[in-house]
Amino acid sequence: MSTQPLNPIAIELGPLTVYWYGVIIITGALLGLWIALRETERHGLERELFLDLILWALPIAIVSARLYYVIFNWGYYSQYPGQIFAIWEGGLAIHGALIGSLITAYVYTNKKGVSFWRIADIAAPSIILGQAIGRWGNFMNQEAHGGPVTREFLEGLRLPEFIINQMYIEGTYYHPTFLYESIWNIIGFVLLLFARKLNLRRGYLFLSYVIWYSVGRFFIEGMRTDSLMIGDLLRTAQFVSIVSIIIAVVLMVYLQKKVFPHTRYLDGEGAVKGGKKSKKKTSKTKRK
């Protein structure tokens, strides 16, 4: 019975080496972009709005994802600084990518005069789908796994042979936590697509994504063996997940009461602003 791991290299052309990790990450991003562009057109917005945003957000997301990972794993990278730029070996923290992307989107939408929350709602299903696909890059690198298990346990999950074999690392089988999170995110993607039809209050779709992802990440992170840590006891991703849930709930209340008490997901850009229906200024004629 062979337990040979899959080759992490997709293509080798002379000095050029393309890793499956990068191919899978890019595939998830492109598929998410395609879905977002379709929804952008349905809202009557220009495709270039999202295309231009991605041109800025994607490279910034990659840099911030790596920076986040390096900062919280500085004990290692301070000794091996040459490894800081070796992103093809893994080490892109999704929380870092989200922070960089959100800051970029906020600045971009403000410059374009478009509602940040409207764009965030449109992008939410695409983000979580990209995350679901991206976890398979971790699978190819045999990372983001959980603690040791038996082969019988993995077979009991009815997993395909190639997944079981890939979870056999240096003589031990491990929990496929990458798979647990990928499935959780796919379920979230389907729920968000359904939530679109409910025409929720503006901002709620994106904040629902934050809550759904954070709940799943909190529990799955507790199973992993490669967590980034704050100190010796606190897992960074679990802390960030708890904070994200709290912030998302607070923002939901704030948007409902102060910002968008009337504006819904399918409403146009200028339909409601500041919680009050916008009124056009009309000239008044004086009575003689």
C-alpha atoms as a PDB file:
ATOM      1  CA  MET A   1       0.000   0.000   0.000  1.00  0.00           C
ATOM      2  CA  SER A   2       1.687   3.195  -1.223  1.00  0.00           C
ATOM      3  CA  THR A   3       1.666   6.333   0.922  1.00  0.00           C
ATOM      4  CA  GLN A   4       3.756   8.416  -1.451  1.00  0.00           C
ATOM      5  CA  PRO A   5       2.837  12.117  -1.047  1.00  0.00           C
ATOM      6  CA  LEU A   6       1.699  14.180  -4.006  1.00  0.00           C
ATOM      7  CA  ASN A   7       4.284  16.282  -5.809  1.00  0.00           C
ATOM      8  CA  PRO A   8       3.915  19.927  -4.662  1.00  0.00           C
ATOM      9  CA  ILE A   9       5.427  21.106  -7.974  1.00  0.00           C
ATOM     10  CA  ALA A  10       2.950  21.632 -10.799  1.00  0.00           C
ATOM     11  CA  ILE A  11       5.310  22.658 -13.623  1.00  0.00           C
ATOM     12  CA  GLU A  12       9.075  22.861 -14.076  1.00  0.00           C
ATOM     13  CA  LEU A  13      10.354  24.745 -17.121  1.00  0.00           C
ATOM     14  CA  GLY A  14      14.090  25.176 -16.804  1.00  0.00           C
ATOM     15  CA  PRO A  15      14.720  27.586 -13.921  1.00  0.00           C
ATOM     16  CA  LEU A  16      10.975  28.282 -13.596  1.00  0.00           C
ATOM     17  CA  THR A  17       9.162  26.247 -10.950  1.00  0.00           C
ATOM     18  CA  VAL A  18       5.414  26.590 -10.465  1.00  0.00           C
ATOM     19  CA  TYR A  19       4.008  25.118  -7.256  1.00  0.00           C
ATOM     20  CA  TRP A  20       0.496  23.738  -6.815  1.00  0.00           C
ATOM     21  CA  TYR A  21       0.144  25.970  -3.762  1.00  0.00           C
ATOM     22  CA  GLY A  22       0.294  29.101  -5.912  1.00  0.00           C
ATOM     23  CA  VAL A  23      -1.814  27.600  -8.715  1.00  0.00           C
ATOM     24  CA  ILE A  24      -4.600  26.699  -6.290  1.00  0.00           C
ATOM     25  CA  ILE A  25      -4.530  30.079  -4.525  1.00  0.00           C
ATOM     26  CA  ILE A  26      -4.753  31.924  -7.846  1.00  0.00           C
ATOM     27  CA  THR A  27      -7.530  29.605  -9.070  1.00  0.00           C
ATOM     28  CA  GLY A  28      -9.607  30.388  -5.980  1.00  0.00           C
ATOM     29  CA  ALA A  29      -9.026  34.111  -6.424  1.00  0.00           C
ATOM     30  CA  LEU A  30     -10.007  34.051 -10.118  1.00  0.00           C
ATOM     31  CA  LEU A  31     -13.153  32.010  -9.526  1.00  0.00           C
ATOM     32  CA  GLY A  32     -14.151  34.359  -6.724  1.00  0.00           C
ATOM     33  CA  LEU A  33     -13.518  37.345  -8.989  1.00  0.00           C
ATOM     34  CA  TRP A  34     -15.709  35.849 -11.741  1.00  0.00           C
ATOM     35  CA  ILE A  35     -18.603  35.409  -9.309  1.00  0.00           C
ATOM     36  CA  ALA A  36     -18.142  38.931  -7.937  1.00  0.00           C
ATOM     37  CA  LEU A  37     -18.098  40.423 -11.450  1.00  0.00           C
ATOM     38  CA  ARG A  38     -21.381  38.720 -12.311  1.00  0.00           C
ATOM     39  CA  GLU A  39     -22.968  40.104  -9.165  1.00  0.00           C
ATOM     40  CA  THR A  40     -21.489  43.541  -9.833  1.00  0.00           C
ATOM     41  CA  GLU A  41     -23.234  43.664 -13.213  1.00  0.00           C
ATOM     42  CA  ARG A  42     -26.501  42.521 -11.623  1.00  0.00           C
ATOM     43  CA  HIS A  43     -26.269  45.551  -9.356  1.00  0.00           C
ATOM     44  CA  GLY A  44     -25.788  47.837 -12.336  1.00  0.00           C
ATOM     45  CA  LEU A  45     -22.187  48.647 -11.437  1.00  0.00           C
ATOM     46  CA  GLU A  46     -19.263  48.723 -13.857  1.00  0.00           C
ATOM     47  CA  ARG A  47     -17.030  45.645 -14.044  1.00  0.00           C
ATOM     48  CA  GLU A  48     -13.979  47.887 -13.944  1.00  0.00           C
ATOM     49  CA  LEU A  49     -14.894  48.855 -10.389  1.00  0.00           C
ATOM     50  CA  PHE A  50     -14.030  45.372  -9.106  1.00  0.00           C
ATOM     51  CA  LEU A  51     -11.245  44.738 -11.589  1.00  0.00           C
ATOM     52  CA  ASP A  52      -9.390  47.857 -10.502  1.00  0.00           C
ATOM     53  CA  LEU A  53      -9.977  46.983  -6.853  1.00  0.00           C
ATOM     54  CA  ILE A  54      -8.527  43.487  -7.343  1.00  0.00           C
ATOM     55  CA  LEU A  55      -5.450  44.915  -9.044  1.00  0.00           C
ATOM     56  CA  TRP A  56      -4.736  46.750  -5.799  1.00  0.00           C
ATOM     57  CA  ALA A  57      -6.151  44.337  -3.245  1.00  0.00           C
ATOM     58  CA  LEU A  58      -4.639  41.049  -4.453  1.00  0.00           C
ATOM     59  CA  PRO A  59      -0.930  41.958  -4.212  1.00  0.00           C
ATOM     60  CA  ILE A  60      -1.529  43.853  -0.969  1.00  0.00           C
ATOM     61  CA  ALA A  61      -3.407  40.813   0.418  1.00  0.00           C
ATOM     62  CA  ILE A  62      -0.477  38.512  -0.414  1.00  0.00           C
ATOM     63  CA  VAL A  63       2.045  40.864   1.188  1.00  0.00           C
ATOM     64  CA  SER A  64      -0.068  41.412   4.302  1.00  0.00           C
ATOM     65  CA  ALA A  65      -0.796  37.663   4.590  1.00  0.00           C
ATOM     66  CA  ARG A  66       2.918  36.924   4.543  1.00  0.00           C
ATOM     67  CA  LEU A  67       3.771  39.818   6.843  1.00  0.00           C
ATOM     68  CA  TYR A  68       1.184  38.638   9.385  1.00  0.00           C
ATOM     69  CA  TYR A  69       2.613  35.105   9.274  1.00  0.00           C
ATOM     70  CA  VAL A  70       6.213  36.266   9.616  1.00  0.00           C
ATOM     71  CA  ILE A  71       5.436  38.625  12.516  1.00  0.00           C
ATOM     72  CA  PHE A  72       3.727  35.908  14.552  1.00  0.00           C
ATOM     73  CA  ASN A  73       6.449  33.397  13.660  1.00  0.00           C
ATOM     74  CA  TRP A  74       9.375  35.768  14.120  1.00  0.00           C
ATOM     75  CA  GLY A  75      11.290  33.349  16.338  1.00  0.00           C
ATOM     76  CA  TYR A  76      11.932  31.226  13.255  1.00  0.00           C
ATOM     77  CA  TYR A  77      12.294  33.916  10.587  1.00  0.00           C
ATOM     78  CA  SER A  78      14.693  35.996  12.687  1.00  0.00           C
ATOM     79  CA  GLN A  79      17.079  33.057  12.453  1.00  0.00           C
ATOM     80  CA  TYR A  80      16.348  32.297   8.779  1.00  0.00           C
ATOM     81  CA  PRO A  81      15.617  35.672   7.143  1.00  0.00           C
ATOM     82  CA  GLY A  82      16.183  34.167   3.697  1.00  0.00           C
ATOM     83  CA  GLN A  83      12.965  32.172   4.136  1.00  0.00           C
ATOM     84  CA  ILE A  84      10.785  35.274   4.591  1.00  0.00           C
ATOM     85  CA  PHE A  85      10.077  35.537   0.858  1.00  0.00           C
ATOM     86  CA  ALA A  86       9.637  31.783   0.226  1.00  0.00           C
ATOM     87  CA  ILE A  87       5.846  31.973  -0.019  1.00  0.00           C
ATOM     88  CA  TRP A  88       5.708  28.980  -2.391  1.00  0.00           C
ATOM     89  CA  GLU A  89       6.463  26.824   0.661  1.00  0.00           C
ATOM     90  CA  GLY A  90       3.282  28.073   2.357  1.00  0.00           C
ATOM     91  CA  GLY A  91       2.860  30.522   5.198  1.00  0.00           C
ATOM     92  CA  LEU A  92       0.136  32.916   4.020  1.00  0.00           C
ATOM     93  CA  ALA A  93      -2.142  33.792   6.940  1.00  0.00           C
ATOM     94  CA  ILE A  94      -5.724  34.385   5.813  1.00  0.00           C
ATOM     95  CA  HIS A  95      -6.356  36.862   8.632  1.00  0.00           C
ATOM     96  CA  GLY A  96      -3.452  38.952   7.390  1.00  0.00           C
ATOM     97  CA  ALA A  97      -4.830  38.812   3.843  1.00  0.00           C
ATOM     98  CA  LEU A  98      -8.271  39.915   5.048  1.00  0.00           C
ATOM     99  CA  ILE A  99      -6.887  42.839   7.028  1.00  0.00           C
ATOM    100  CA  GLY A 100      -4.867  44.072   4.043  1.00  0.00           C
ATOM    101  CA  SER A 101      -7.776  43.590   1.640  1.00  0.00           C
ATOM    102  CA  LEU A 102     -10.302  45.374   3.860  1.00  0.00           C
ATOM    103  CA  ILE A 103      -8.047  48.398   4.352  1.00  0.00           C
ATOM    104  CA  THR A 104      -7.416  48.547   0.600  1.00  0.00           C
ATOM    105  CA  ALA A 105     -11.135  48.215  -0.207  1.00  0.00           C
ATOM    106  CA  TYR A 106     -12.079  50.906   2.321  1.00  0.00           C
ATOM    107  CA  VAL A 107      -9.589  53.412   0.872  1.00  0.00           C
ATOM    108  CA  TYR A 108     -10.504  52.483  -2.709  1.00  0.00           C
ATOM    109  CA  THR A 109     -14.282  52.771  -2.276  1.00  0.00           C
ATOM    110  CA  ASN A 110     -13.934  56.103  -0.497  1.00  0.00           C
ATOM    111  CA  LYS A 111     -11.898  57.472  -3.371  1.00  0.00           C
ATOM    112  CA  LYS A 112     -14.462  56.166  -5.874  1.00  0.00           C
ATOM    113  CA  GLY A 113     -17.416  57.472  -3.897  1.00  0.00           C
ATOM    114  CA  VAL A 114     -18.961  54.000  -3.600  1.00  0.00           C
ATOM    115  CA  SER A 115     -20.375  52.432  -0.435  1.00  0.00           C
ATOM    116  CA  PHE A 116     -17.756  50.187   1.162  1.00  0.00           C
ATOM    117  CA  TRP A 117     -20.502  48.011   2.639  1.00  0.00           C
ATOM    118  CA  ARG A 118     -22.144  47.522  -0.742  1.00  0.00           C
ATOM    119  CA  ILE A 119     -18.907  46.267  -2.263  1.00  0.00           C
ATOM    120  CA  ALA A 120     -18.140  44.129   0.805  1.00  0.00           C
ATOM    121  CA  ASP A 121     -21.560  42.454   0.574  1.00  0.00           C
ATOM    122  CA  ILE A 122     -21.037  41.656  -3.110  1.00  0.00           C
ATOM    123  CA  ALA A 123     -17.581  40.223  -2.413  1.00  0.00           C
ATOM    124  CA  ALA A 124     -18.468  38.126   0.666  1.00  0.00           C
ATOM    125  CA  PRO A 125     -19.402  34.844  -1.113  1.00  0.00           C
ATOM    126  CA  SER A 126     -16.351  35.181  -3.363  1.00  0.00           C
ATOM    127  CA  ILE A 127     -14.029  35.609  -0.392  1.00  0.00           C
ATOM    128  CA  ILE A 128     -15.191  32.511   1.451  1.00  0.00           C
ATOM    129  CA  LEU A 129     -15.160  30.428  -1.751  1.00  0.00           C
ATOM    130  CA  GLY A 130     -11.573  31.531  -2.395  1.00  0.00           C
ATOM    131  CA  GLN A 131     -10.695  30.461   1.145  1.00  0.00           C
ATOM    132  CA  ALA A 132     -12.347  27.061   0.630  1.00  0.00           C
ATOM    133  CA  ILE A 133     -10.321  26.439  -2.524  1.00  0.00           C
ATOM    134  CA  GLY A 134      -7.125  27.908  -1.095  1.00  0.00           C
ATOM    135  CA  ARG A 135      -7.046  25.344   1.719  1.00  0.00           C
ATOM    136  CA  TRP A 136      -6.239  22.708  -0.892  1.00  0.00           C
ATOM    137  CA  GLY A 137      -2.956  24.521  -1.426  1.00  0.00           C
ATOM    138  CA  ASN A 138      -2.178  23.681   2.213  1.00  0.00           C
ATOM    139  CA  PHE A 139      -3.138  20.084   1.404  1.00  0.00           C
ATOM    140  CA  MET A 140      -0.554  19.915  -1.393  1.00  0.00           C
ATOM    141  CA  ASN A 141       2.116  21.258   0.990  1.00  0.00           C
ATOM    142  CA  GLN A 142       1.066  18.831   3.758  1.00  0.00           C
ATOM    143  CA  GLU A 143       0.477  21.719   6.171  1.00  0.00           C
ATOM    144  CA  ALA A 144      -2.398  23.183   8.217  1.00  0.00           C
ATOM    145  CA  HIS A 145      -3.163  19.704   9.538  1.00  0.00           C
ATOM    146  CA  GLY A 146      -4.326  18.602  12.974  1.00  0.00           C
ATOM    147  CA  GLY A 147      -2.979  16.177  15.534  1.00  0.00           C
ATOM    148  CA  PRO A 148      -2.102  12.517  14.962  1.00  0.00           C
ATOM    149  CA  VAL A 149      -4.820   9.963  14.169  1.00  0.00           C
ATOM    150  CA  THR A 150      -4.895   6.388  12.924  1.00  0.00           C
ATOM    151  CA  ARG A 151      -5.387   5.313   9.342  1.00  0.00           C
ATOM    152  CA  GLU A 152      -8.549   3.547  10.500  1.00  0.00           C
ATOM    153  CA  PHE A 153      -9.927   6.884  11.699  1.00  0.00           C
ATOM    154  CA  LEU A 154      -9.347   8.497   8.302  1.00  0.00           C
ATOM    155  CA  GLU A 155     -10.834   5.526   6.488  1.00  0.00           C
ATOM    156  CA  GLY A 156     -13.848   5.818   8.777  1.00  0.00           C
ATOM    157  CA  LEU A 157     -14.416   9.318   7.406  1.00  0.00           C
ATOM    158  CA  ARG A 158     -14.825   7.752   3.938  1.00  0.00           C
ATOM    159  CA  LEU A 159     -12.022   9.896   2.557  1.00  0.00           C
ATOM    160  CA  PRO A 160     -10.499   9.225  -0.873  1.00  0.00           C
ATOM    161  CA  GLU A 161      -7.219   7.334  -0.810  1.00  0.00           C
ATOM    162  CA  PHE A 162      -5.205  10.298  -2.095  1.00  0.00           C
ATOM    163  CA  ILE A 163      -6.270  12.438   0.898  1.00  0.00           C
ATOM    164  CA  ILE A 164      -5.453   9.675   3.373  1.00  0.00           C
ATOM    165  CA  ASN A 165      -2.034   9.191   1.807  1.00  0.00           C
ATOM    166  CA  GLN A 166      -1.305  12.924   1.804  1.00  0.00           C
ATOM    167  CA  MET A 167      -2.095  13.034   5.533  1.00  0.00           C
ATOM    168  CA  TYR A 168       0.674  10.491   6.139  1.00  0.00           C
ATOM    169  CA  ILE A 169       3.599  12.709   7.118  1.00  0.00           C
ATOM    170  CA  GLU A 170       6.928  11.377   8.383  1.00  0.00           C
ATOM    171  CA  GLY A 171       5.441   8.113   9.574  1.00  0.00           C
ATOM    172  CA  THR A 172       2.245   9.492  11.168  1.00  0.00           C
ATOM    173  CA  TYR A 173      -1.316  10.118   9.981  1.00  0.00           C
ATOM    174  CA  TYR A 174      -2.885  13.489  10.861  1.00  0.00           C
ATOM    175  CA  HIS A 175      -6.303  15.141  11.067  1.00  0.00           C
ATOM    176  CA  PRO A 176      -7.121  16.741   7.670  1.00  0.00           C
ATOM    177  CA  THR A 177      -8.114  20.051   9.245  1.00  0.00           C
ATOM    178  CA  PHE A 178      -7.579  21.745   5.885  1.00  0.00           C
ATOM    179  CA  LEU A 179     -10.514  19.638   4.646  1.00  0.00           C
ATOM    180  CA  TYR A 180     -12.719  20.448   7.641  1.00  0.00           C
ATOM    181  CA  GLU A 181     -12.240  24.162   7.048  1.00  0.00           C
ATOM    182  CA  SER A 182     -12.713  23.845   3.292  1.00  0.00           C
ATOM    183  CA  ILE A 183     -16.050  22.055   3.784  1.00  0.00           C
ATOM    184  CA  TRP A 184     -17.128  24.608   6.425  1.00  0.00           C
ATOM    185  CA  ASN A 185     -16.352  27.420   3.980  1.00  0.00           C
ATOM    186  CA  ILE A 186     -18.192  25.764   1.094  1.00  0.00           C
ATOM    187  CA  ILE A 187     -21.284  25.465   3.299  1.00  0.00           C
ATOM    188  CA  GLY A 188     -20.860  29.144   4.176  1.00  0.00           C
ATOM    189  CA  PHE A 189     -20.592  30.016   0.479  1.00  0.00           C
ATOM    190  CA  VAL A 190     -23.899  28.265  -0.274  1.00  0.00           C
ATOM    191  CA  LEU A 191     -25.604  29.968   2.694  1.00  0.00           C
ATOM    192  CA  LEU A 192     -24.371  33.392   1.583  1.00  0.00           C
ATOM    193  CA  LEU A 193     -25.711  32.827  -1.928  1.00  0.00           C
ATOM    194  CA  PHE A 194     -29.079  31.970  -0.368  1.00  0.00           C
ATOM    195  CA  ALA A 195     -28.854  35.024   1.922  1.00  0.00           C
ATOM    196  CA  ARG A 196     -28.523  37.248  -1.153  1.00  0.00           C
ATOM    197  CA  LYS A 197     -32.113  36.393  -2.024  1.00  0.00           C
ATOM    198  CA  LEU A 198     -33.282  37.477   1.429  1.00  0.00           C
ATOM    199  CA  ASN A 199     -32.235  41.054   0.637  1.00  0.00           C
ATOM    200  CA  LEU A 200     -30.648  41.639   4.039  1.00  0.00           C
ATOM    201  CA  ARG A 201     -29.755  45.037   5.431  1.00  0.00           C
ATOM    202  CA  ARG A 202     -26.690  46.501   3.772  1.00  0.00           C
ATOM    203  CA  GLY A 203     -23.508  45.265   5.398  1.00  0.00           C
ATOM    204  CA  TYR A 204     -25.148  42.198   6.949  1.00  0.00           C
ATOM    205  CA  LEU A 205     -24.054  39.781   4.218  1.00  0.00           C
ATOM    206  CA  PHE A 206     -20.384  40.580   4.731  1.00  0.00           C
ATOM    207  CA  LEU A 207     -20.672  40.598   8.520  1.00  0.00           C
ATOM    208  CA  SER A 208     -22.497  37.252   8.384  1.00  0.00           C
ATOM    209  CA  TYR A 209     -19.508  35.912   6.457  1.00  0.00           C
ATOM    210  CA  VAL A 210     -17.164  37.204   9.166  1.00  0.00           C
ATOM    211  CA  ILE A 211     -19.173  35.484  11.900  1.00  0.00           C
ATOM    212  CA  TRP A 212     -19.581  32.190  10.013  1.00  0.00           C
ATOM    213  CA  TYR A 213     -15.916  31.932   9.075  1.00  0.00           C
ATOM    214  CA  SER A 214     -14.710  32.972  12.530  1.00  0.00           C
ATOM    215  CA  VAL A 215     -16.866  30.399  14.347  1.00  0.00           C
ATOM    216  CA  GLY A 216     -15.553  27.579  12.168  1.00  0.00           C
ATOM    217  CA  ARG A 217     -11.966  28.798  12.309  1.00  0.00           C
ATOM    218  CA  PHE A 218     -12.069  29.047  16.123  1.00  0.00           C
ATOM    219  CA  PHE A 219     -12.955  25.376  16.597  1.00  0.00           C
ATOM    220  CA  ILE A 220     -10.849  23.991  13.741  1.00  0.00           C
ATOM    221  CA  GLU A 221      -7.823  26.012  14.854  1.00  0.00           C
ATOM    222  CA  GLY A 222      -7.986  24.243  18.208  1.00  0.00           C
ATOM    223  CA  MET A 223      -7.235  20.970  16.395  1.00  0.00           C
ATOM    224  CA  ARG A 224      -4.189  22.205  14.490  1.00  0.00           C
ATOM    225  CA  THR A 225      -0.566  21.597  15.431  1.00  0.00           C
ATOM    226  CA  ASP A 226       0.995  24.507  13.512  1.00  0.00           C
ATOM    227  CA  SER A 227      -0.925  27.442  14.977  1.00  0.00           C
ATOM    228  CA  LEU A 228       0.651  30.869  15.236  1.00  0.00           C
ATOM    229  CA  MET A 229       0.778  31.792  18.903  1.00  0.00           C
ATOM    230  CA  ILE A 230       0.561  34.878  21.090  1.00  0.00           C
ATOM    231  CA  GLY A 231       2.802  33.855  23.961  1.00  0.00           C
ATOM    232  CA  ASP A 232       2.737  30.175  24.870  1.00  0.00           C
ATOM    233  CA  LEU A 233      -0.977  29.556  25.464  1.00  0.00           C
ATOM    234  CA  LEU A 234      -3.066  31.777  23.176  1.00  0.00           C
ATOM    235  CA  ARG A 235      -3.593  30.771  19.554  1.00  0.00           C
ATOM    236  CA  THR A 236      -3.531  33.869  17.353  1.00  0.00           C
ATOM    237  CA  ALA A 237      -6.305  32.720  14.980  1.00  0.00           C
ATOM    238  CA  GLN A 238      -8.649  31.871  17.854  1.00  0.00           C
ATOM    239  CA  PHE A 239      -8.090  35.268  19.467  1.00  0.00           C
ATOM    240  CA  VAL A 240      -8.653  37.065  16.147  1.00  0.00           C
ATOM    241  CA  SER A 241     -11.780  34.962  15.520  1.00  0.00           C
ATOM    242  CA  ILE A 242     -13.333  35.940  18.858  1.00  0.00           C
ATOM    243  CA  VAL A 243     -12.521  39.615  18.315  1.00  0.00           C
ATOM    244  CA  SER A 244     -13.925  39.436  14.762  1.00  0.00           C
ATOM    245  CA  ILE A 245     -17.225  37.965  15.962  1.00  0.00           C
ATOM    246  CA  ILE A 246     -17.617  40.662  18.620  1.00  0.00           C
ATOM    247  CA  ILE A 247     -16.805  43.453  16.152  1.00  0.00           C
ATOM    248  CA  ALA A 248     -19.191  42.000  13.538  1.00  0.00           C
ATOM    249  CA  VAL A 249     -22.101  41.851  16.010  1.00  0.00           C
ATOM    250  CA  VAL A 250     -21.427  45.412  17.211  1.00  0.00           C
ATOM    251  CA  LEU A 251     -21.284  46.647  13.615  1.00  0.00           C
ATOM    252  CA  MET A 252     -24.564  44.930  12.805  1.00  0.00           C
ATOM    253  CA  VAL A 253     -26.256  46.839  15.604  1.00  0.00           C
ATOM    254  CA  TYR A 254     -24.545  50.071  14.576  1.00  0.00           C
ATOM    255  CA  LEU A 255     -25.502  49.729  10.893  1.00  0.00           C
ATOM    256  CA  GLN A 256     -29.088  48.942  11.814  1.00  0.00           C
ATOM    257  CA  LYS A 257     -29.534  51.900  14.152  1.00  0.00           C
ATOM    258  CA  LYS A 258     -27.253  54.595  12.787  1.00  0.00           C
ATOM    259  CA  VAL A 259     -26.255  54.026   9.175  1.00  0.00           C
ATOM    260  CA  PHE A 260     -28.569  51.770   7.137  1.00  0.00           C
ATOM    261  CA  PRO A 261     -31.896  51.331   8.922  1.00  0.00           C
ATOM    262  CA  HIS A 262     -33.685  51.249   5.553  1.00  0.00           C
ATOM    263  CA  THR A 263     -31.059  50.316   2.925  1.00  0.00           C
ATOM    264  CA  ARG A 264     -31.028  46.717   1.727  1.00  0.00           C
ATOM    265  CA  TYR A 265     -28.599  44.574  -0.248  1.00  0.00           C
ATOM    266  CA  LEU A 266     -30.369  45.030  -3.575  1.00  0.00           C
ATOM    267  CA  ASP A 267     -30.913  48.785  -3.206  1.00  0.00           C
ATOM    268  CA  GLY A 268     -29.098  51.131  -5.551  1.00  0.00           C
ATOM    269  CA  GLU A 269     -26.116  53.228  -4.541  1.00  0.00           C
ATOM    270  CA  GLY A 270     -27.981  56.414  -3.823  1.00  0.00           C
ATOM    271  CA  ALA A 271     -31.286  54.956  -2.678  1.00  0.00           C
ATOM    272  CA  VAL A 272     -30.729  55.632   1.005  1.00  0.00           C
ATOM    273  CA  LYS A 273     -27.885  57.451   2.662  1.00  0.00           C
ATOM    274  CA  GLY A 274     -27.141  57.971   6.299  1.00  0.00           C
ATOM    275  CA  GLY A 275     -30.278  56.098   7.267  1.00  0.00           C
ATOM    276  CA  LYS A 276     -32.591  58.651   5.675  1.00  0.00           C
ATOM    277  CA  LYS A 277     -34.070  58.699   2.250  1.00  0.00           C
ATOM    278  CA  SER A 278     -32.172  61.125   0.095  1.00  0.00           C
ATOM    279  CA  LYS A 279     -34.083  64.069  -1.237  1.00  0.00           C
ATOM    280  CA  LYS A 280     -33.266  66.080  -4.300  1.00  0.00           C
ATOM    281  CA  LYS A 281     -32.874  69.758  -3.786  1.00  0.00           C
ATOM    282  CA  THR A 282     -35.505  71.776  -5.556  1.00  0.00           C
ATOM    283  CA  SER A 283     -35.579  75.484  -6.104  1.00  0.00           C
ATOM    284  CA  LYS A 284     -38.210  77.401  -4.239  1.00  0.00           C
ATOM    285  CA  THR A 285     -40.181  80.166  -5.949  1.00  0.00           C
ATOM    286  CA  LYS A 286     -41.123  83.170  -3.947  1.00  0.00           C
ATOM    287  CA  ARG A 287     -44.778  84.149  -3.830  1.00  0.00           C
ATOM    288  CA  LYS A 288     -45.510  87.563  -5.008  1.00  0.00           C
END
